[in-house]
Amino acid sequence: MFRLDGKIALVSGASRGLGLSMASSLAKQGAHVVLNGRDADVLKSRVCTLEAQGLSVSAMPFDVTDSLGVKRAIEEIVREHGHLDILIANAGIQHRSPISEFEEEDFRRVVDTNLTGVWILAKEVSKFMADSNTGRIVFTGSITAEIGRPTISAYIASKGAVHALARQLAVELGDKNITVNAIAPGYFATEMNQALMADGDFNDWVCTRVPARRWGKVDEIGAAAVFLASDEAAYVNGHVLTMDGGLSISM
């Protein structure tokens, strides 16, 4: 079950963290995975690492906020491989500031990457998936879309919208055999969270609040991506899969 042999997958934000883990997991299940990020040199290094493990991967550097660049990249992937079956729209950024000090420029920058970039990717890949009458689109959301936290208003707003977008596109694209779902991670030990992990009080809070009593391991998210990308998940549509060790249901 959950094999992805013959599938072509694009994973944005795949140069590190959750994106790299999901890309690796998809490739281990037989997919050819196109890794996306903005730094071509970093992507090249990641490709070499995964190829050394016997995995089928390639790199496609572009900025998800560049609509023309996204369009060209996806067209190139389809030209080279003939189809594009799976999109993991994972690229995202964070900015922390109290609302009274939050600059509008920073708010727009976060929303542009975390929401508009996701929308652009979904728009462009859905055209080819519709032609093939099949496809899997998975967004990376966040448990913060459901529970608030100080200083990250732009991030929370963008991720809440991503969850809503997954549900809306699930309805719009469902008759074309395209499913659209989201994964809502909790606190994972990623590069983005290094500062939080180094904060003793915050680390203790996470380990106390989460019933699992620990941060999520980066390599644990890949199984969720594989499931939602698989043929076995054909009737899972418009769902937000929470992966937070139980944090969001714990008082």
C-alpha atoms as a PDB file:
ATOM      1  CA  MET A   1       0.000   0.000   0.000  1.00  0.00           C
ATOM      2  CA  PHE A   2       0.855   3.683  -0.453  1.00  0.00           C
ATOM      3  CA  ARG A   3       3.337   3.088  -3.252  1.00  0.00           C
ATOM      4  CA  LEU A   4       3.926   6.044  -5.575  1.00  0.00           C
ATOM      5  CA  ASP A   5       5.756   4.318  -8.411  1.00  0.00           C
ATOM      6  CA  GLY A   6       5.550   6.266 -11.674  1.00  0.00           C
ATOM      7  CA  LYS A   7       4.291   9.418  -9.960  1.00  0.00           C
ATOM      8  CA  ILE A   8       5.907  12.823 -10.438  1.00  0.00           C
ATOM      9  CA  ALA A   9       5.835  15.055  -7.366  1.00  0.00           C
ATOM     10  CA  LEU A  10       6.776  18.684  -6.776  1.00  0.00           C
ATOM     11  CA  VAL A  11       7.629  19.744  -3.226  1.00  0.00           C
ATOM     12  CA  SER A  12       8.098  23.452  -2.537  1.00  0.00           C
ATOM     13  CA  GLY A  13      10.301  24.562   0.332  1.00  0.00           C
ATOM     14  CA  ALA A  14      12.152  21.257   0.046  1.00  0.00           C
ATOM     15  CA  SER A  15      15.667  22.414   0.819  1.00  0.00           C
ATOM     16  CA  ARG A  16      15.322  21.714   4.538  1.00  0.00           C
ATOM     17  CA  GLY A  17      13.035  20.797   7.421  1.00  0.00           C
ATOM     18  CA  LEU A  18       9.570  19.401   6.849  1.00  0.00           C
ATOM     19  CA  GLY A  19       9.703  19.923   3.093  1.00  0.00           C
ATOM     20  CA  LEU A  20      12.899  17.913   2.692  1.00  0.00           C
ATOM     21  CA  SER A  21      11.501  15.163   4.888  1.00  0.00           C
ATOM     22  CA  MET A  22       8.289  14.930   2.868  1.00  0.00           C
ATOM     23  CA  ALA A  23      10.252  14.929  -0.400  1.00  0.00           C
ATOM     24  CA  SER A  24      12.453  12.105   0.864  1.00  0.00           C
ATOM     25  CA  SER A  25       9.451  10.061   1.988  1.00  0.00           C
ATOM     26  CA  LEU A  26       7.684  10.434  -1.349  1.00  0.00           C
ATOM     27  CA  ALA A  27      10.839   9.360  -3.180  1.00  0.00           C
ATOM     28  CA  LYS A  28      11.275   6.326  -0.921  1.00  0.00           C
ATOM     29  CA  GLN A  29       7.794   5.213  -1.987  1.00  0.00           C
ATOM     30  CA  GLY A  30       8.799   5.296  -5.641  1.00  0.00           C
ATOM     31  CA  ALA A  31       7.928   8.801  -6.843  1.00  0.00           C
ATOM     32  CA  HIS A  32      10.295  10.996  -8.800  1.00  0.00           C
ATOM     33  CA  VAL A  33      10.423  14.138  -6.674  1.00  0.00           C
ATOM     34  CA  VAL A  34      11.260  17.618  -7.909  1.00  0.00           C
ATOM     35  CA  LEU A  35      12.710  19.636  -5.037  1.00  0.00           C
ATOM     36  CA  ASN A  36      11.966  23.346  -5.029  1.00  0.00           C
ATOM     37  CA  GLY A  37      13.606  26.170  -3.124  1.00  0.00           C
ATOM     38  CA  ARG A  38      15.148  29.549  -3.868  1.00  0.00           C
ATOM     39  CA  ASP A  39      18.805  28.572  -3.402  1.00  0.00           C
ATOM     40  CA  ALA A  40      20.013  26.499  -6.352  1.00  0.00           C
ATOM     41  CA  ASP A  41      23.251  25.479  -4.627  1.00  0.00           C
ATOM     42  CA  VAL A  42      21.459  24.160  -1.539  1.00  0.00           C
ATOM     43  CA  LEU A  43      19.018  22.245  -3.712  1.00  0.00           C
ATOM     44  CA  LYS A  44      21.884  20.706  -5.669  1.00  0.00           C
ATOM     45  CA  SER A  45      23.397  19.484  -2.410  1.00  0.00           C
ATOM     46  CA  ARG A  46      20.071  17.972  -1.287  1.00  0.00           C
ATOM     47  CA  VAL A  47      19.673  16.223  -4.632  1.00  0.00           C
ATOM     48  CA  CYS A  48      23.133  14.681  -4.310  1.00  0.00           C
ATOM     49  CA  THR A  49      22.341  13.454  -0.795  1.00  0.00           C
ATOM     50  CA  LEU A  50      19.067  11.826  -1.812  1.00  0.00           C
ATOM     51  CA  GLU A  51      20.478  10.345  -5.009  1.00  0.00           C
ATOM     52  CA  ALA A  52      23.214   8.735  -2.925  1.00  0.00           C
ATOM     53  CA  GLN A  53      20.387   6.904  -1.135  1.00  0.00           C
ATOM     54  CA  GLY A  54      19.186   5.538  -4.470  1.00  0.00           C
ATOM     55  CA  LEU A  55      16.240   7.932  -4.740  1.00  0.00           C
ATOM     56  CA  SER A  56      14.939   9.562  -7.921  1.00  0.00           C
ATOM     57  CA  VAL A  57      15.010  13.337  -7.449  1.00  0.00           C
ATOM     58  CA  SER A  58      15.819  16.549  -9.281  1.00  0.00           C
ATOM     59  CA  ALA A  59      15.898  20.261  -8.495  1.00  0.00           C
ATOM     60  CA  MET A  60      13.794  23.158  -9.742  1.00  0.00           C
ATOM     61  CA  PRO A  61      14.770  26.460  -8.077  1.00  0.00           C
ATOM     62  CA  PHE A  62      12.178  29.247  -8.147  1.00  0.00           C
ATOM     63  CA  ASP A  63      10.420  31.670  -5.817  1.00  0.00           C
ATOM     64  CA  VAL A  64       6.821  30.615  -5.099  1.00  0.00           C
ATOM     65  CA  THR A  65       5.752  34.272  -5.024  1.00  0.00           C
ATOM     66  CA  ASP A  66       6.911  34.752  -8.635  1.00  0.00           C
ATOM     67  CA  SER A  67       3.813  33.720 -10.575  1.00  0.00           C
ATOM     68  CA  LEU A  68       5.549  33.722 -13.950  1.00  0.00           C
ATOM     69  CA  GLY A  69       8.460  31.735 -12.558  1.00  0.00           C
ATOM     70  CA  VAL A  70       6.082  29.176 -11.068  1.00  0.00           C
ATOM     71  CA  LYS A  71       4.193  28.837 -14.346  1.00  0.00           C
ATOM     72  CA  ARG A  72       7.391  28.296 -16.334  1.00  0.00           C
ATOM     73  CA  ALA A  73       8.781  25.785 -13.833  1.00  0.00           C
ATOM     74  CA  ILE A  74       5.641  23.652 -13.796  1.00  0.00           C
ATOM     75  CA  GLU A  75       5.426  23.704 -17.577  1.00  0.00           C
ATOM     76  CA  GLU A  76       9.045  22.560 -17.716  1.00  0.00           C
ATOM     77  CA  ILE A  77       8.363  19.691 -15.299  1.00  0.00           C
ATOM     78  CA  VAL A  78       5.426  18.520 -17.394  1.00  0.00           C
ATOM     79  CA  ARG A  79       7.437  18.820 -20.622  1.00  0.00           C
ATOM     80  CA  GLU A  80      10.226  16.716 -19.161  1.00  0.00           C
ATOM     81  CA  HIS A  81       8.148  14.056 -17.424  1.00  0.00           C
ATOM     82  CA  GLY A  82       4.857  14.164 -19.303  1.00  0.00           C
ATOM     83  CA  HIS A  83       2.730  14.699 -16.211  1.00  0.00           C
ATOM     84  CA  LEU A  84       2.685  16.095 -12.678  1.00  0.00           C
ATOM     85  CA  ASP A  85       0.714  14.030 -10.190  1.00  0.00           C
ATOM     86  CA  ILE A  86       1.502  15.391  -6.742  1.00  0.00           C
ATOM     87  CA  LEU A  87       2.038  18.857  -5.300  1.00  0.00           C
ATOM     88  CA  ILE A  88       3.224  19.403  -1.747  1.00  0.00           C
ATOM     89  CA  ALA A  89       2.927  23.182  -1.257  1.00  0.00           C
ATOM     90  CA  ASN A  90       5.129  23.568   1.776  1.00  0.00           C
ATOM     91  CA  ALA A  91       7.223  26.737   1.336  1.00  0.00           C
ATOM     92  CA  GLY A  92       6.608  29.205   4.138  1.00  0.00           C
ATOM     93  CA  ILE A  93       8.217  31.885   6.265  1.00  0.00           C
ATOM     94  CA  GLN A  94       7.728  33.322   9.746  1.00  0.00           C
ATOM     95  CA  HIS A  95       7.980  36.773  11.308  1.00  0.00           C
ATOM     96  CA  ARG A  96       7.522  37.469  15.008  1.00  0.00           C
ATOM     97  CA  SER A  97       6.480  40.845  16.364  1.00  0.00           C
ATOM     98  CA  PRO A  98       3.766  42.260  18.649  1.00  0.00           C
ATOM     99  CA  ILE A  99       0.833  43.519  16.595  1.00  0.00           C
ATOM    100  CA  SER A 100       1.469  47.127  17.657  1.00  0.00           C
ATOM    101  CA  GLU A 101       4.977  46.921  16.198  1.00  0.00           C
ATOM    102  CA  PHE A 102       4.256  44.626  13.250  1.00  0.00           C
ATOM    103  CA  GLU A 103       5.221  46.372  10.026  1.00  0.00           C
ATOM    104  CA  GLU A 104       2.722  46.115   7.178  1.00  0.00           C
ATOM    105  CA  GLU A 105       5.562  45.215   4.826  1.00  0.00           C
ATOM    106  CA  ASP A 106       6.399  42.171   6.968  1.00  0.00           C
ATOM    107  CA  PHE A 107       2.752  41.137   7.157  1.00  0.00           C
ATOM    108  CA  ARG A 108       2.410  41.254   3.380  1.00  0.00           C
ATOM    109  CA  ARG A 109       5.694  39.377   2.914  1.00  0.00           C
ATOM    110  CA  VAL A 110       4.531  36.492   5.102  1.00  0.00           C
ATOM    111  CA  VAL A 111       1.080  36.299   3.522  1.00  0.00           C
ATOM    112  CA  ASP A 112       2.542  36.547   0.021  1.00  0.00           C
ATOM    113  CA  THR A 113       4.736  33.489   0.619  1.00  0.00           C
ATOM    114  CA  ASN A 114       2.533  31.397   2.885  1.00  0.00           C
ATOM    115  CA  LEU A 115      -0.812  31.975   1.160  1.00  0.00           C
ATOM    116  CA  THR A 116      -0.454  33.599  -2.250  1.00  0.00           C
ATOM    117  CA  GLY A 117       2.460  31.321  -3.146  1.00  0.00           C
ATOM    118  CA  VAL A 118       0.363  28.280  -2.246  1.00  0.00           C
ATOM    119  CA  TRP A 119      -2.532  29.573  -4.350  1.00  0.00           C
ATOM    120  CA  ILE A 120      -0.259  30.206  -7.350  1.00  0.00           C
ATOM    121  CA  LEU A 121       1.182  26.693  -7.164  1.00  0.00           C
ATOM    122  CA  ALA A 122      -2.261  25.109  -6.885  1.00  0.00           C
ATOM    123  CA  LYS A 123      -3.555  27.197  -9.765  1.00  0.00           C
ATOM    124  CA  GLU A 124      -0.775  26.162 -12.129  1.00  0.00           C
ATOM    125  CA  VAL A 125      -0.593  22.458 -11.265  1.00  0.00           C
ATOM    126  CA  SER A 126      -4.380  22.026 -11.291  1.00  0.00           C
ATOM    127  CA  LYS A 127      -4.450  22.818 -15.028  1.00  0.00           C
ATOM    128  CA  PHE A 128      -2.314  19.795 -15.856  1.00  0.00           C
ATOM    129  CA  MET A 129      -3.913  17.571 -13.235  1.00  0.00           C
ATOM    130  CA  ALA A 130      -7.337  18.376 -14.683  1.00  0.00           C
ATOM    131  CA  ASP A 131      -6.115  17.342 -18.134  1.00  0.00           C
ATOM    132  CA  SER A 132      -4.984  14.010 -16.638  1.00  0.00           C
ATOM    133  CA  ASN A 133      -8.185  13.725 -14.589  1.00  0.00           C
ATOM    134  CA  THR A 134      -6.200  12.926 -11.457  1.00  0.00           C
ATOM    135  CA  GLY A 135      -3.994  14.643  -8.896  1.00  0.00           C
ATOM    136  CA  ARG A 136      -3.047  15.079  -5.260  1.00  0.00           C
ATOM    137  CA  ILE A 137      -2.475  18.521  -3.742  1.00  0.00           C
ATOM    138  CA  VAL A 138      -1.282  18.815  -0.151  1.00  0.00           C
ATOM    139  CA  PHE A 139      -0.733  22.105   1.687  1.00  0.00           C
ATOM    140  CA  THR A 140       1.356  22.591   4.802  1.00  0.00           C
ATOM    141  CA  GLY A 141      -0.861  24.402   7.282  1.00  0.00           C
ATOM    142  CA  SER A 142      -0.363  24.744  11.036  1.00  0.00           C
ATOM    143  CA  ILE A 143      -2.102  24.086  14.319  1.00  0.00           C
ATOM    144  CA  THR A 144      -1.730  27.824  14.918  1.00  0.00           C
ATOM    145  CA  ALA A 145      -4.511  28.230  12.360  1.00  0.00           C
ATOM    146  CA  GLU A 146      -6.807  26.826  15.050  1.00  0.00           C
ATOM    147  CA  ILE A 147      -5.228  28.063  18.292  1.00  0.00           C
ATOM    148  CA  GLY A 148      -3.710  31.505  18.732  1.00  0.00           C
ATOM    149  CA  ARG A 149      -0.261  32.500  19.905  1.00  0.00           C
ATOM    150  CA  PRO A 150       1.175  35.990  20.501  1.00  0.00           C
ATOM    151  CA  THR A 151       3.468  37.803  18.018  1.00  0.00           C
ATOM    152  CA  ILE A 152       2.764  35.708  14.890  1.00  0.00           C
ATOM    153  CA  SER A 153      -0.378  37.365  13.525  1.00  0.00           C
ATOM    154  CA  ALA A 154       0.713  37.184   9.870  1.00  0.00           C
ATOM    155  CA  TYR A 155       1.685  33.523  10.116  1.00  0.00           C
ATOM    156  CA  ILE A 156      -1.573  32.546  11.806  1.00  0.00           C
ATOM    157  CA  ALA A 157      -3.675  34.536   9.351  1.00  0.00           C
ATOM    158  CA  SER A 158      -1.893  32.966   6.381  1.00  0.00           C
ATOM    159  CA  LYS A 159      -2.145  29.409   7.682  1.00  0.00           C
ATOM    160  CA  GLY A 160      -5.808  29.812   8.582  1.00  0.00           C
ATOM    161  CA  ALA A 161      -6.420  30.902   5.016  1.00  0.00           C
ATOM    162  CA  VAL A 162      -4.446  27.914   3.716  1.00  0.00           C
ATOM    163  CA  HIS A 163      -6.766  25.552   5.603  1.00  0.00           C
ATOM    164  CA  ALA A 164      -9.781  27.336   4.116  1.00  0.00           C
ATOM    165  CA  LEU A 165      -8.224  27.228   0.650  1.00  0.00           C
ATOM    166  CA  ALA A 166      -7.731  23.468   0.917  1.00  0.00           C
ATOM    167  CA  ARG A 167     -11.427  23.003   1.647  1.00  0.00           C
ATOM    168  CA  GLN A 168     -12.501  25.369  -1.144  1.00  0.00           C
ATOM    169  CA  LEU A 169     -10.287  23.779  -3.787  1.00  0.00           C
ATOM    170  CA  ALA A 170     -11.356  20.309  -2.668  1.00  0.00           C
ATOM    171  CA  VAL A 171     -14.881  21.287  -3.655  1.00  0.00           C
ATOM    172  CA  GLU A 172     -13.854  23.001  -6.886  1.00  0.00           C
ATOM    173  CA  LEU A 173     -11.508  20.293  -8.153  1.00  0.00           C
ATOM    174  CA  GLY A 174     -13.120  17.155  -6.752  1.00  0.00           C
ATOM    175  CA  ASP A 175     -15.019  16.315  -9.942  1.00  0.00           C
ATOM    176  CA  LYS A 176     -11.675  16.146 -11.757  1.00  0.00           C
ATOM    177  CA  ASN A 177     -10.403  13.441  -9.379  1.00  0.00           C
ATOM    178  CA  ILE A 178      -8.062  15.964  -7.752  1.00  0.00           C
ATOM    179  CA  THR A 179      -7.954  15.868  -3.966  1.00  0.00           C
ATOM    180  CA  VAL A 180      -6.798  18.829  -1.907  1.00  0.00           C
ATOM    181  CA  ASN A 181      -5.854  18.372   1.733  1.00  0.00           C
ATOM    182  CA  ALA A 182      -3.628  20.005   4.330  1.00  0.00           C
ATOM    183  CA  ILE A 183      -1.282  18.833   7.047  1.00  0.00           C
ATOM    184  CA  ALA A 184      -1.304  20.961  10.199  1.00  0.00           C
ATOM    185  CA  PRO A 185       1.979  20.391  12.046  1.00  0.00           C
ATOM    186  CA  GLY A 186       2.523  21.320  15.656  1.00  0.00           C
ATOM    187  CA  TYR A 187       5.959  22.031  17.056  1.00  0.00           C
ATOM    188  CA  PHE A 188       8.594  20.145  15.079  1.00  0.00           C
ATOM    189  CA  ALA A 189      12.340  20.304  15.619  1.00  0.00           C
ATOM    190  CA  THR A 190      13.098  22.250  12.430  1.00  0.00           C
ATOM    191  CA  GLU A 191      15.573  24.976  11.548  1.00  0.00           C
ATOM    192  CA  MET A 192      12.751  27.526  11.726  1.00  0.00           C
ATOM    193  CA  ASN A 193      12.168  26.599  15.369  1.00  0.00           C
ATOM    194  CA  GLN A 194      15.793  26.553  16.525  1.00  0.00           C
ATOM    195  CA  ALA A 195      15.381  29.760  18.534  1.00  0.00           C
ATOM    196  CA  LEU A 196      12.302  28.390  20.283  1.00  0.00           C
ATOM    197  CA  MET A 197      14.018  25.109  21.070  1.00  0.00           C
ATOM    198  CA  ALA A 198      16.949  27.007  22.558  1.00  0.00           C
ATOM    199  CA  ASP A 199      14.586  28.920  24.843  1.00  0.00           C
ATOM    200  CA  GLY A 200      14.494  26.793  28.003  1.00  0.00           C
ATOM    201  CA  ASP A 201      11.122  28.072  29.182  1.00  0.00           C
ATOM    202  CA  PHE A 202       9.489  27.566  25.798  1.00  0.00           C
ATOM    203  CA  ASN A 203      11.033  24.126  25.352  1.00  0.00           C
ATOM    204  CA  ASP A 204       9.715  23.113  28.782  1.00  0.00           C
ATOM    205  CA  TRP A 205       6.272  24.483  27.864  1.00  0.00           C
ATOM    206  CA  VAL A 206       6.146  22.385  24.696  1.00  0.00           C
ATOM    207  CA  CYS A 207       7.307  19.237  26.442  1.00  0.00           C
ATOM    208  CA  THR A 208       4.780  19.787  29.236  1.00  0.00           C
ATOM    209  CA  ARG A 209       1.825  20.757  27.046  1.00  0.00           C
ATOM    210  CA  VAL A 210       2.240  18.047  24.404  1.00  0.00           C
ATOM    211  CA  PRO A 211       0.920  14.695  25.680  1.00  0.00           C
ATOM    212  CA  ALA A 212       3.781  13.004  23.816  1.00  0.00           C
ATOM    213  CA  ARG A 213       6.132  15.137  25.986  1.00  0.00           C
ATOM    214  CA  ARG A 214       8.418  16.049  23.109  1.00  0.00           C
ATOM    215  CA  TRP A 215       8.842  18.009  19.897  1.00  0.00           C
ATOM    216  CA  GLY A 216       7.910  16.327  16.646  1.00  0.00           C
ATOM    217  CA  LYS A 217      10.744  14.684  14.750  1.00  0.00           C
ATOM    218  CA  VAL A 218      11.211  16.016  11.231  1.00  0.00           C
ATOM    219  CA  ASP A 219      11.155  12.568   9.651  1.00  0.00           C
ATOM    220  CA  GLU A 220       7.741  11.812  11.175  1.00  0.00           C
ATOM    221  CA  ILE A 221       5.772  14.082   8.862  1.00  0.00           C
ATOM    222  CA  GLY A 222       6.661  12.186   5.699  1.00  0.00           C
ATOM    223  CA  ALA A 223       4.189   9.360   6.336  1.00  0.00           C
ATOM    224  CA  ALA A 224       1.280  11.813   6.353  1.00  0.00           C
ATOM    225  CA  ALA A 225       2.387  13.300   3.048  1.00  0.00           C
ATOM    226  CA  VAL A 226       2.751   9.842   1.498  1.00  0.00           C
ATOM    227  CA  PHE A 227      -0.741   8.824   2.636  1.00  0.00           C
ATOM    228  CA  LEU A 228      -2.453  11.949   1.302  1.00  0.00           C
ATOM    229  CA  ALA A 229      -0.518  11.654  -1.980  1.00  0.00           C
ATOM    230  CA  SER A 230      -1.382   7.996  -2.487  1.00  0.00           C
ATOM    231  CA  ASP A 231      -4.118   6.271  -4.471  1.00  0.00           C
ATOM    232  CA  GLU A 232      -5.416   4.877  -1.183  1.00  0.00           C
ATOM    233  CA  ALA A 233      -6.379   8.422  -0.111  1.00  0.00           C
ATOM    234  CA  ALA A 234      -8.591   8.987  -3.164  1.00  0.00           C
ATOM    235  CA  TYR A 235     -11.668   9.566  -0.961  1.00  0.00           C
ATOM    236  CA  VAL A 236      -9.906  11.858   1.513  1.00  0.00           C
ATOM    237  CA  ASN A 237     -10.659  15.385   0.334  1.00  0.00           C
ATOM    238  CA  GLY A 238     -10.789  18.779   2.031  1.00  0.00           C
ATOM    239  CA  HIS A 239      -9.298  17.353   5.213  1.00  0.00           C
ATOM    240  CA  VAL A 240      -6.846  19.025   7.583  1.00  0.00           C
ATOM    241  CA  LEU A 241      -4.684  16.332   9.172  1.00  0.00           C
ATOM    242  CA  THR A 242      -3.335  17.524  12.508  1.00  0.00           C
ATOM    243  CA  MET A 243       0.132  16.295  13.502  1.00  0.00           C
ATOM    244  CA  ASP A 244       0.962  17.881  16.834  1.00  0.00           C
ATOM    245  CA  GLY A 245       1.430  15.060  19.322  1.00  0.00           C
ATOM    246  CA  GLY A 246      -1.917  15.985  20.875  1.00  0.00           C
ATOM    247  CA  LEU A 247      -1.031  19.594  21.761  1.00  0.00           C
ATOM    248  CA  SER A 248      -4.194  21.098  20.310  1.00  0.00           C
ATOM    249  CA  ILE A 249      -6.512  18.783  22.274  1.00  0.00           C
ATOM    250  CA  SER A 250      -4.669  19.074  25.582  1.00  0.00           C
ATOM    251  CA  MET A 251      -5.673  21.385  28.413  1.00  0.00           C
END
